[in-house]
Amino acid sequence: MRSVVWRRAPLAAMLMVAAGFCVGCNPEFTRSEYDHGVVFDGAGKEIYKVEWWRPKGAKEPCPLAVRLEDGTELDVTQFASPKLMRDLGGRVRNRNGERYDIMVQKSGATFWSYYEKGELVAVGVNMNGGRRHSNKITFDGKTVMLPTSESDLFKQAGDPRSFRRWKGFP
C-alpha cells in the first residue's frame, strides 16, 4: 500500500505545480477604444499594441501614422500598398480568396495590413518587448509613444470611448 501512495505522489506534485503555474500566469488584459476604429491593447498595465479596423460602411482612410525606433515611417500610403509592405520585407499570410494580410517584422515591432478585395481594411502594430516610449503613434492629432503604461496612454490620447479589462486569454 505504501508503494502505491509514493508512486502517485510525484504525479500529484507535478499537477499541483502545473495548476499553480497556470493560475499565476493568468494575465490581465486591457482594451481602449478610440474614435475612427483605433484600438490600443495591453497586458499587465503595459500598452504595447495599436490596431485600426475600418468601421463597417465607412470609407475614411486609416488615421494611424507610425515612426519606429529605427526611423522607419509608416502611414496610410505604406499600409495601403501591398507592394510597399512587401518592399519593407513583408510576407503574405492568411490568404483566403480576396482576403489576405501582409506582416512585417522590423526594428523590434511587428506590423501588418489586412486587405479585402484590394482595399485596406485593418492595420496593426505590436511593440511588445520594445524599449519603452521608443515608437511614435499618431492618430487624430494625438501622439502616443509605445510601449507605454495605461495611465500614460490616457494622458497622451485622452479618455477612450470605451475601456475594458479582463483576466485570462481573449
N, C-alpha and C. Protein backbone atom coordinates (compact mmCIF):
# COMPACT_ATOMS: atom_id res chain seq x y z
N MET A 1 0.82 -1.19 0.00
CA MET A 1 0.00 0.00 0.00
C MET A 1 0.86 1.26 0.00
N ARG A 2 1.91 1.24 0.79
CA ARG A 2 2.77 2.41 0.88
C ARG A 2 3.44 2.72 -0.46
N SER A 3 3.84 1.73 -1.23
CA SER A 3 4.50 1.98 -2.51
C SER A 3 3.54 2.60 -3.53
N VAL A 4 2.26 2.29 -3.46
CA VAL A 4 1.28 2.89 -4.37
C VAL A 4 1.16 4.39 -4.10
N VAL A 5 1.10 4.77 -2.83
CA VAL A 5 0.99 6.18 -2.47
C VAL A 5 2.21 6.95 -2.94
N TRP A 6 3.39 6.38 -2.74
CA TRP A 6 4.62 7.07 -3.15
C TRP A 6 4.73 7.19 -4.67
N ARG A 7 4.18 6.23 -5.41
CA ARG A 7 4.23 6.32 -6.87
C ARG A 7 3.33 7.44 -7.37
N ARG A 8 2.24 7.69 -6.70
CA ARG A 8 1.31 8.74 -7.12
C ARG A 8 1.75 10.12 -6.63
N ALA A 9 2.56 10.17 -5.61
CA ALA A 9 2.96 11.46 -5.04
C ALA A 9 3.66 12.36 -6.07
N PRO A 10 4.62 11.86 -6.88
CA PRO A 10 5.25 12.75 -7.86
C PRO A 10 4.25 13.28 -8.89
N LEU A 11 3.31 12.44 -9.32
CA LEU A 11 2.31 12.89 -10.28
C LEU A 11 1.43 13.97 -9.65
N ALA A 12 1.01 13.77 -8.42
CA ALA A 12 0.18 14.76 -7.72
C ALA A 12 0.95 16.07 -7.54
N ALA A 13 2.22 15.96 -7.20
CA ALA A 13 3.04 17.17 -7.01
C ALA A 13 3.18 17.93 -8.33
N MET A 14 3.39 17.21 -9.44
CA MET A 14 3.51 17.86 -10.75
C MET A 14 2.20 18.55 -11.13
N LEU A 15 1.07 17.91 -10.87
CA LEU A 15 -0.22 18.51 -11.19
C LEU A 15 -0.47 19.76 -10.37
N MET A 16 -0.08 19.74 -9.09
CA MET A 16 -0.27 20.91 -8.23
C MET A 16 0.61 22.07 -8.71
N VAL A 17 1.84 21.77 -9.08
CA VAL A 17 2.75 22.81 -9.58
C VAL A 17 2.20 23.38 -10.88
N ALA A 18 1.74 22.51 -11.79
CA ALA A 18 1.19 22.97 -13.07
C ALA A 18 -0.04 23.84 -12.85
N ALA A 19 -0.92 23.44 -11.95
CA ALA A 19 -2.12 24.23 -11.66
C ALA A 19 -1.74 25.58 -11.07
N GLY A 20 -0.79 25.60 -10.18
CA GLY A 20 -0.33 26.86 -9.59
C GLY A 20 0.31 27.75 -10.63
N PHE A 21 1.06 27.17 -11.55
CA PHE A 21 1.69 27.95 -12.61
C PHE A 21 0.64 28.58 -13.50
N CYS A 22 -0.36 27.79 -13.90
CA CYS A 22 -1.40 28.32 -14.79
C CYS A 22 -2.20 29.43 -14.11
N VAL A 23 -2.50 29.28 -12.83
CA VAL A 23 -3.23 30.33 -12.12
C VAL A 23 -2.36 31.58 -12.02
N GLY A 24 -1.07 31.39 -11.77
CA GLY A 24 -0.16 32.52 -11.63
C GLY A 24 0.13 33.23 -12.94
N CYS A 25 -0.08 32.53 -14.07
CA CYS A 25 0.24 33.16 -15.35
C CYS A 25 -1.01 33.69 -16.04
N ASN A 26 -2.07 33.84 -15.33
CA ASN A 26 -3.32 34.33 -15.89
C ASN A 26 -3.29 35.86 -15.92
N PRO A 27 -2.78 36.47 -17.00
CA PRO A 27 -2.59 37.91 -17.01
C PRO A 27 -3.90 38.68 -17.15
N GLU A 28 -3.82 39.96 -16.86
CA GLU A 28 -4.95 40.86 -17.02
C GLU A 28 -4.73 41.66 -18.30
N PHE A 29 -5.72 41.66 -19.17
CA PHE A 29 -5.64 42.36 -20.45
C PHE A 29 -6.51 43.60 -20.43
N THR A 30 -6.15 44.58 -21.27
CA THR A 30 -6.97 45.78 -21.41
C THR A 30 -7.15 46.12 -22.87
N ARG A 31 -8.25 46.79 -23.15
CA ARG A 31 -8.54 47.30 -24.50
C ARG A 31 -9.14 48.67 -24.36
N SER A 32 -8.52 49.66 -25.02
CA SER A 32 -9.01 51.04 -25.03
C SER A 32 -9.40 51.39 -26.45
N GLU A 33 -10.68 51.70 -26.65
CA GLU A 33 -11.18 52.00 -27.99
C GLU A 33 -11.39 53.50 -28.14
N TYR A 34 -10.84 54.03 -29.23
CA TYR A 34 -10.97 55.44 -29.56
C TYR A 34 -11.80 55.58 -30.84
N ASP A 35 -12.07 56.80 -31.24
CA ASP A 35 -12.87 57.05 -32.44
C ASP A 35 -12.15 56.54 -33.69
N HIS A 36 -12.91 56.39 -34.76
CA HIS A 36 -12.41 56.03 -36.09
C HIS A 36 -11.78 54.65 -36.13
N GLY A 37 -12.16 53.72 -35.23
CA GLY A 37 -11.69 52.35 -35.28
C GLY A 37 -10.31 52.11 -34.68
N VAL A 38 -9.76 53.06 -33.93
CA VAL A 38 -8.43 52.91 -33.33
C VAL A 38 -8.56 52.25 -31.95
N VAL A 39 -7.77 51.19 -31.74
CA VAL A 39 -7.84 50.40 -30.50
C VAL A 39 -6.42 50.16 -29.99
N PHE A 40 -6.21 50.36 -28.68
CA PHE A 40 -4.93 50.05 -28.03
C PHE A 40 -5.15 48.86 -27.11
N ASP A 41 -4.25 47.88 -27.18
CA ASP A 41 -4.32 46.69 -26.33
C ASP A 41 -3.08 46.58 -25.48
N GLY A 42 -3.23 45.93 -24.32
CA GLY A 42 -2.10 45.72 -23.44
C GLY A 42 -2.36 44.60 -22.47
N ALA A 43 -1.35 44.32 -21.67
CA ALA A 43 -1.44 43.30 -20.63
C ALA A 43 -0.62 43.79 -19.45
N GLY A 44 -1.12 43.50 -18.25
CA GLY A 44 -0.39 43.90 -17.05
C GLY A 44 -0.13 45.39 -16.97
N LYS A 45 -1.07 46.21 -17.40
CA LYS A 45 -1.00 47.67 -17.38
C LYS A 45 0.05 48.24 -18.33
N GLU A 46 0.60 47.42 -19.22
CA GLU A 46 1.55 47.87 -20.25
C GLU A 46 0.83 47.84 -21.60
N ILE A 47 0.75 48.97 -22.28
CA ILE A 47 0.11 49.07 -23.59
C ILE A 47 1.19 48.91 -24.65
N TYR A 48 1.00 47.93 -25.52
CA TYR A 48 2.05 47.62 -26.49
C TYR A 48 1.54 47.44 -27.92
N LYS A 49 0.24 47.52 -28.14
CA LYS A 49 -0.29 47.26 -29.48
C LYS A 49 -1.36 48.27 -29.83
N VAL A 50 -1.36 48.70 -31.09
CA VAL A 50 -2.42 49.55 -31.62
C VAL A 50 -2.94 48.90 -32.89
N GLU A 51 -4.25 48.98 -33.07
CA GLU A 51 -4.87 48.46 -34.28
C GLU A 51 -5.89 49.47 -34.79
N TRP A 52 -6.14 49.41 -36.08
CA TRP A 52 -7.21 50.17 -36.69
C TRP A 52 -8.01 49.21 -37.55
N TRP A 53 -9.30 49.22 -37.36
CA TRP A 53 -10.21 48.45 -38.20
C TRP A 53 -11.19 49.44 -38.80
N ARG A 54 -11.31 49.43 -40.12
CA ARG A 54 -12.25 50.35 -40.77
C ARG A 54 -13.66 50.05 -40.26
N PRO A 55 -14.30 51.06 -39.69
CA PRO A 55 -15.68 50.84 -39.23
C PRO A 55 -16.57 50.41 -40.39
N LYS A 56 -17.47 49.49 -40.12
CA LYS A 56 -18.35 48.95 -41.14
C LYS A 56 -19.07 50.07 -41.90
N GLY A 57 -18.98 50.03 -43.22
CA GLY A 57 -19.64 51.01 -44.06
C GLY A 57 -18.87 52.31 -44.26
N ALA A 58 -17.79 52.51 -43.51
CA ALA A 58 -17.02 53.76 -43.61
C ALA A 58 -16.03 53.67 -44.78
N LYS A 59 -15.69 54.80 -45.32
CA LYS A 59 -14.72 54.86 -46.41
C LYS A 59 -13.49 55.68 -46.03
N GLU A 60 -13.46 56.19 -44.79
CA GLU A 60 -12.33 57.03 -44.38
C GLU A 60 -11.05 56.21 -44.32
N PRO A 61 -9.91 56.85 -44.63
CA PRO A 61 -8.62 56.14 -44.63
C PRO A 61 -8.13 55.86 -43.21
N CYS A 62 -7.15 55.01 -43.13
CA CYS A 62 -6.52 54.68 -41.85
C CYS A 62 -5.91 55.94 -41.25
N PRO A 63 -6.26 56.28 -39.99
CA PRO A 63 -5.73 57.50 -39.39
C PRO A 63 -4.36 57.34 -38.73
N LEU A 64 -3.82 56.12 -38.70
CA LEU A 64 -2.56 55.87 -37.99
C LEU A 64 -1.34 56.28 -38.80
N ALA A 65 -0.38 56.88 -38.11
CA ALA A 65 0.96 57.11 -38.65
C ALA A 65 1.92 56.60 -37.58
N VAL A 66 2.95 55.88 -38.01
CA VAL A 66 3.86 55.22 -37.07
C VAL A 66 5.29 55.60 -37.42
N ARG A 67 6.06 55.94 -36.40
CA ARG A 67 7.50 56.15 -36.57
C ARG A 67 8.19 55.17 -35.63
N LEU A 68 8.87 54.18 -36.24
CA LEU A 68 9.56 53.16 -35.45
C LEU A 68 10.87 53.70 -34.91
N GLU A 69 11.40 52.99 -33.94
CA GLU A 69 12.63 53.39 -33.27
C GLU A 69 13.78 53.62 -34.25
N ASP A 70 13.83 52.84 -35.35
CA ASP A 70 14.93 52.99 -36.31
C ASP A 70 14.70 54.12 -37.32
N GLY A 71 13.59 54.87 -37.18
CA GLY A 71 13.30 55.98 -38.08
C GLY A 71 12.34 55.64 -39.20
N THR A 72 12.00 54.36 -39.38
CA THR A 72 11.04 53.96 -40.41
C THR A 72 9.70 54.64 -40.14
N GLU A 73 9.15 55.27 -41.17
CA GLU A 73 7.86 55.94 -41.03
C GLU A 73 6.82 55.23 -41.89
N LEU A 74 5.67 54.99 -41.27
CA LEU A 74 4.58 54.31 -41.96
C LEU A 74 3.31 55.11 -41.78
N ASP A 75 2.56 55.24 -42.86
CA ASP A 75 1.25 55.87 -42.77
C ASP A 75 0.33 55.16 -43.75
N VAL A 76 -0.82 55.76 -44.03
CA VAL A 76 -1.80 55.09 -44.89
C VAL A 76 -1.22 54.75 -46.26
N THR A 77 -0.28 55.54 -46.76
CA THR A 77 0.33 55.27 -48.07
C THR A 77 1.05 53.92 -48.06
N GLN A 78 1.87 53.67 -47.04
CA GLN A 78 2.58 52.40 -46.96
C GLN A 78 1.63 51.25 -46.60
N PHE A 79 0.79 51.47 -45.59
CA PHE A 79 -0.11 50.41 -45.16
C PHE A 79 -1.05 49.97 -46.28
N ALA A 80 -1.51 50.91 -47.11
CA ALA A 80 -2.49 50.61 -48.16
C ALA A 80 -1.86 49.95 -49.38
N SER A 81 -0.54 49.93 -49.47
CA SER A 81 0.13 49.38 -50.65
C SER A 81 0.78 48.03 -50.36
N PRO A 82 0.20 46.95 -50.87
CA PRO A 82 0.83 45.64 -50.68
C PRO A 82 2.28 45.62 -51.19
N LYS A 83 2.55 46.32 -52.29
CA LYS A 83 3.91 46.35 -52.83
C LYS A 83 4.88 47.01 -51.85
N LEU A 84 4.50 48.17 -51.29
CA LEU A 84 5.38 48.85 -50.33
C LEU A 84 5.57 48.01 -49.07
N MET A 85 4.53 47.32 -48.63
CA MET A 85 4.66 46.45 -47.45
C MET A 85 5.63 45.30 -47.76
N ARG A 86 5.53 44.73 -48.96
CA ARG A 86 6.48 43.65 -49.33
C ARG A 86 7.89 44.21 -49.47
N ASP A 87 8.03 45.43 -49.97
CA ASP A 87 9.35 46.06 -50.09
C ASP A 87 10.01 46.25 -48.73
N LEU A 88 9.20 46.38 -47.67
CA LEU A 88 9.74 46.51 -46.31
C LEU A 88 10.10 45.14 -45.71
N GLY A 89 9.90 44.08 -46.50
CA GLY A 89 10.21 42.73 -46.02
C GLY A 89 8.99 41.93 -45.62
N GLY A 90 7.83 42.44 -45.95
CA GLY A 90 6.58 41.77 -45.56
C GLY A 90 6.32 40.49 -46.33
N ARG A 91 5.59 39.61 -45.66
CA ARG A 91 5.19 38.34 -46.26
C ARG A 91 3.67 38.23 -46.20
N VAL A 92 3.09 37.69 -47.28
CA VAL A 92 1.65 37.46 -47.30
C VAL A 92 1.33 36.28 -46.40
N ARG A 93 0.31 36.46 -45.56
CA ARG A 93 -0.15 35.39 -44.67
C ARG A 93 -1.66 35.29 -44.80
N ASN A 94 -2.19 34.20 -44.37
CA ASN A 94 -3.64 34.03 -44.22
C ASN A 94 -4.43 34.42 -45.46
N ARG A 95 -4.01 33.92 -46.60
CA ARG A 95 -4.74 34.22 -47.84
C ARG A 95 -6.00 33.37 -47.88
N ASN A 96 -7.13 34.03 -48.11
CA ASN A 96 -8.42 33.34 -48.21
C ASN A 96 -9.24 34.06 -49.28
N GLY A 97 -9.10 33.60 -50.52
CA GLY A 97 -9.79 34.27 -51.62
C GLY A 97 -9.24 35.66 -51.81
N GLU A 98 -10.12 36.66 -51.71
CA GLU A 98 -9.70 38.05 -51.89
C GLU A 98 -9.31 38.71 -50.58
N ARG A 99 -9.15 37.93 -49.52
CA ARG A 99 -8.72 38.45 -48.21
C ARG A 99 -7.32 37.93 -47.90
N TYR A 100 -6.48 38.80 -47.42
CA TYR A 100 -5.14 38.39 -47.00
C TYR A 100 -4.52 39.50 -46.18
N ASP A 101 -3.45 39.14 -45.47
CA ASP A 101 -2.71 40.18 -44.77
C ASP A 101 -1.23 40.03 -45.07
N ILE A 102 -0.52 41.14 -44.90
CA ILE A 102 0.93 41.16 -45.07
C ILE A 102 1.53 41.59 -43.75
N MET A 103 2.46 40.78 -43.24
CA MET A 103 3.09 41.05 -41.95
C MET A 103 4.57 41.37 -42.16
N VAL A 104 5.05 42.37 -41.42
CA VAL A 104 6.45 42.80 -41.48
C VAL A 104 6.99 42.81 -40.05
N GLN A 105 8.21 42.32 -39.87
CA GLN A 105 8.91 42.43 -38.59
C GLN A 105 10.13 43.30 -38.83
N LYS A 106 10.19 44.41 -38.08
CA LYS A 106 11.27 45.37 -38.30
C LYS A 106 11.47 46.19 -37.04
N SER A 107 12.71 46.41 -36.68
CA SER A 107 13.06 47.31 -35.58
C SER A 107 12.32 46.99 -34.28
N GLY A 108 12.20 45.69 -33.96
CA GLY A 108 11.55 45.28 -32.71
C GLY A 108 10.04 45.38 -32.73
N ALA A 109 9.46 45.69 -33.88
CA ALA A 109 8.00 45.79 -34.00
C ALA A 109 7.50 44.79 -35.03
N THR A 110 6.27 44.39 -34.86
CA THR A 110 5.58 43.59 -35.86
C THR A 110 4.39 44.41 -36.31
N PHE A 111 4.25 44.61 -37.61
CA PHE A 111 3.10 45.35 -38.10
C PHE A 111 2.51 44.63 -39.31
N TRP A 112 1.22 44.87 -39.52
CA TRP A 112 0.53 44.17 -40.58
C TRP A 112 -0.57 45.05 -41.16
N SER A 113 -0.89 44.73 -42.42
CA SER A 113 -2.01 45.35 -43.12
C SER A 113 -2.91 44.22 -43.59
N TYR A 114 -4.22 44.42 -43.47
CA TYR A 114 -5.20 43.42 -43.86
C TYR A 114 -6.03 44.00 -45.01
N TYR A 115 -6.17 43.22 -46.07
CA TYR A 115 -6.84 43.68 -47.28
C TYR A 115 -8.02 42.78 -47.63
N GLU A 116 -9.08 43.41 -48.11
CA GLU A 116 -10.23 42.69 -48.67
C GLU A 116 -10.54 43.31 -50.02
N LYS A 117 -10.60 42.47 -51.05
CA LYS A 117 -10.88 42.93 -52.41
C LYS A 117 -9.97 44.09 -52.81
N GLY A 118 -8.70 44.00 -52.41
CA GLY A 118 -7.71 45.00 -52.78
C GLY A 118 -7.71 46.28 -51.96
N GLU A 119 -8.64 46.40 -50.99
CA GLU A 119 -8.71 47.61 -50.16
C GLU A 119 -8.19 47.34 -48.76
N LEU A 120 -7.50 48.33 -48.20
CA LEU A 120 -7.02 48.25 -46.82
C LEU A 120 -8.21 48.34 -45.87
N VAL A 121 -8.35 47.35 -44.98
CA VAL A 121 -9.46 47.38 -44.02
C VAL A 121 -8.98 47.33 -42.57
N ALA A 122 -7.70 47.00 -42.35
CA ALA A 122 -7.19 46.95 -40.98
C ALA A 122 -5.67 47.08 -40.98
N VAL A 123 -5.15 47.64 -39.87
CA VAL A 123 -3.71 47.80 -39.66
C VAL A 123 -3.44 47.46 -38.20
N GLY A 124 -2.33 46.82 -37.93
CA GLY A 124 -1.93 46.54 -36.56
C GLY A 124 -0.44 46.76 -36.38
N VAL A 125 -0.06 47.25 -35.19
CA VAL A 125 1.35 47.45 -34.86
C VAL A 125 1.55 46.95 -33.44
N ASN A 126 2.44 45.97 -33.27
CA ASN A 126 2.71 45.37 -31.97
C ASN A 126 4.14 45.68 -31.57
N MET A 127 4.31 46.36 -30.43
CA MET A 127 5.63 46.75 -29.94
C MET A 127 6.03 45.95 -28.71
N ASN A 128 5.40 44.81 -28.47
CA ASN A 128 5.67 44.03 -27.27
C ASN A 128 7.15 43.70 -27.16
N GLY A 129 7.75 44.04 -26.05
CA GLY A 129 9.16 43.78 -25.83
C GLY A 129 10.06 44.92 -26.26
N GLY A 130 9.47 45.95 -26.85
CA GLY A 130 10.27 47.10 -27.29
C GLY A 130 10.68 47.98 -26.13
N ARG A 131 11.66 48.83 -26.38
CA ARG A 131 12.12 49.78 -25.38
C ARG A 131 11.00 50.79 -25.13
N ARG A 132 10.72 51.09 -23.89
CA ARG A 132 9.61 51.96 -23.50
C ARG A 132 9.68 53.32 -24.20
N HIS A 133 8.54 53.76 -24.71
CA HIS A 133 8.37 55.06 -25.38
C HIS A 133 9.30 55.23 -26.58
N SER A 134 9.60 54.16 -27.30
CA SER A 134 10.56 54.26 -28.40
C SER A 134 9.91 54.33 -29.78
N ASN A 135 8.59 54.14 -29.87
CA ASN A 135 7.89 54.16 -31.15
C ASN A 135 6.72 55.14 -31.07
N LYS A 136 6.62 56.00 -32.06
CA LYS A 136 5.63 57.07 -32.03
C LYS A 136 4.42 56.70 -32.89
N ILE A 137 3.24 56.76 -32.30
CA ILE A 137 1.98 56.51 -33.00
C ILE A 137 1.21 57.82 -33.01
N THR A 138 0.74 58.24 -34.18
CA THR A 138 -0.05 59.45 -34.29
C THR A 138 -1.40 59.09 -34.90
N PHE A 139 -2.48 59.64 -34.33
CA PHE A 139 -3.82 59.48 -34.89
C PHE A 139 -4.68 60.64 -34.41
N ASP A 140 -5.50 61.16 -35.29
CA ASP A 140 -6.43 62.25 -34.95
C ASP A 140 -5.75 63.40 -34.20
N GLY A 141 -4.52 63.74 -34.58
CA GLY A 141 -3.80 64.84 -33.94
C GLY A 141 -3.22 64.53 -32.58
N LYS A 142 -3.29 63.27 -32.15
CA LYS A 142 -2.75 62.85 -30.85
C LYS A 142 -1.51 61.99 -31.10
N THR A 143 -0.56 62.07 -30.18
CA THR A 143 0.65 61.26 -30.28
C THR A 143 0.79 60.40 -29.04
N VAL A 144 1.04 59.10 -29.27
CA VAL A 144 1.25 58.13 -28.20
C VAL A 144 2.58 57.46 -28.45
N MET A 145 3.39 57.35 -27.41
CA MET A 145 4.68 56.65 -27.51
C MET A 145 4.50 55.24 -26.96
N LEU A 146 4.76 54.22 -27.80
CA LEU A 146 4.62 52.82 -27.37
C LEU A 146 5.96 52.13 -27.28
N PRO A 147 6.06 51.10 -26.45
CA PRO A 147 5.12 50.72 -25.40
C PRO A 147 5.05 51.78 -24.31
N THR A 148 3.91 51.78 -23.61
CA THR A 148 3.69 52.76 -22.56
C THR A 148 2.80 52.17 -21.47
N SER A 149 2.65 52.91 -20.41
CA SER A 149 1.76 52.46 -19.34
C SER A 149 0.33 52.86 -19.69
N GLU A 150 -0.60 52.20 -19.04
CA GLU A 150 -2.01 52.52 -19.23
C GLU A 150 -2.30 53.98 -18.89
N SER A 151 -1.75 54.46 -17.76
CA SER A 151 -2.01 55.85 -17.35
C SER A 151 -1.39 56.84 -18.34
N ASP A 152 -0.21 56.53 -18.89
CA ASP A 152 0.39 57.42 -19.89
C ASP A 152 -0.41 57.44 -21.18
N LEU A 153 -1.00 56.30 -21.56
CA LEU A 153 -1.86 56.28 -22.75
C LEU A 153 -2.99 57.28 -22.58
N PHE A 154 -3.65 57.28 -21.43
CA PHE A 154 -4.77 58.19 -21.20
C PHE A 154 -4.30 59.65 -21.16
N LYS A 155 -3.11 59.90 -20.64
CA LYS A 155 -2.57 61.26 -20.64
C LYS A 155 -2.27 61.73 -22.07
N GLN A 156 -1.73 60.83 -22.89
CA GLN A 156 -1.32 61.19 -24.24
C GLN A 156 -2.49 61.24 -25.23
N ALA A 157 -3.43 60.31 -25.10
CA ALA A 157 -4.50 60.21 -26.09
C ALA A 157 -5.86 60.65 -25.57
N GLY A 158 -5.95 60.92 -24.27
CA GLY A 158 -7.24 61.28 -23.70
C GLY A 158 -8.02 60.04 -23.30
N ASP A 159 -9.20 60.27 -22.75
CA ASP A 159 -10.02 59.14 -22.32
C ASP A 159 -10.57 58.39 -23.54
N PRO A 160 -10.53 57.07 -23.49
CA PRO A 160 -11.06 56.29 -24.62
C PRO A 160 -12.60 56.34 -24.64
N ARG A 161 -13.14 56.06 -25.81
CA ARG A 161 -14.60 55.96 -25.97
C ARG A 161 -15.12 54.79 -25.15
N SER A 162 -14.35 53.69 -25.11
CA SER A 162 -14.70 52.56 -24.25
C SER A 162 -13.42 51.90 -23.75
N PHE A 163 -13.52 51.31 -22.58
CA PHE A 163 -12.37 50.67 -21.94
C PHE A 163 -12.84 49.36 -21.33
N ARG A 164 -12.05 48.32 -21.51
CA ARG A 164 -12.41 47.01 -20.98
C ARG A 164 -11.18 46.35 -20.37
N ARG A 165 -11.36 45.71 -19.23
CA ARG A 165 -10.28 44.97 -18.56
C ARG A 165 -10.81 43.56 -18.26
N TRP A 166 -9.99 42.54 -18.52
CA TRP A 166 -10.40 41.17 -18.24
C TRP A 166 -9.20 40.31 -17.90
N LYS A 167 -9.47 39.23 -17.21
CA LYS A 167 -8.43 38.25 -16.84
C LYS A 167 -8.49 37.08 -17.79
N GLY A 168 -7.35 36.49 -18.05
CA GLY A 168 -7.29 35.31 -18.92
C GLY A 168 -7.04 35.71 -20.35
N PHE A 169 -6.90 34.70 -21.18
CA PHE A 169 -6.61 34.97 -22.58
C PHE A 169 -7.89 35.26 -23.34
N PRO A 170 -7.81 36.21 -24.28
CA PRO A 170 -9.03 36.61 -25.02
C PRO A 170 -9.60 35.50 -25.85
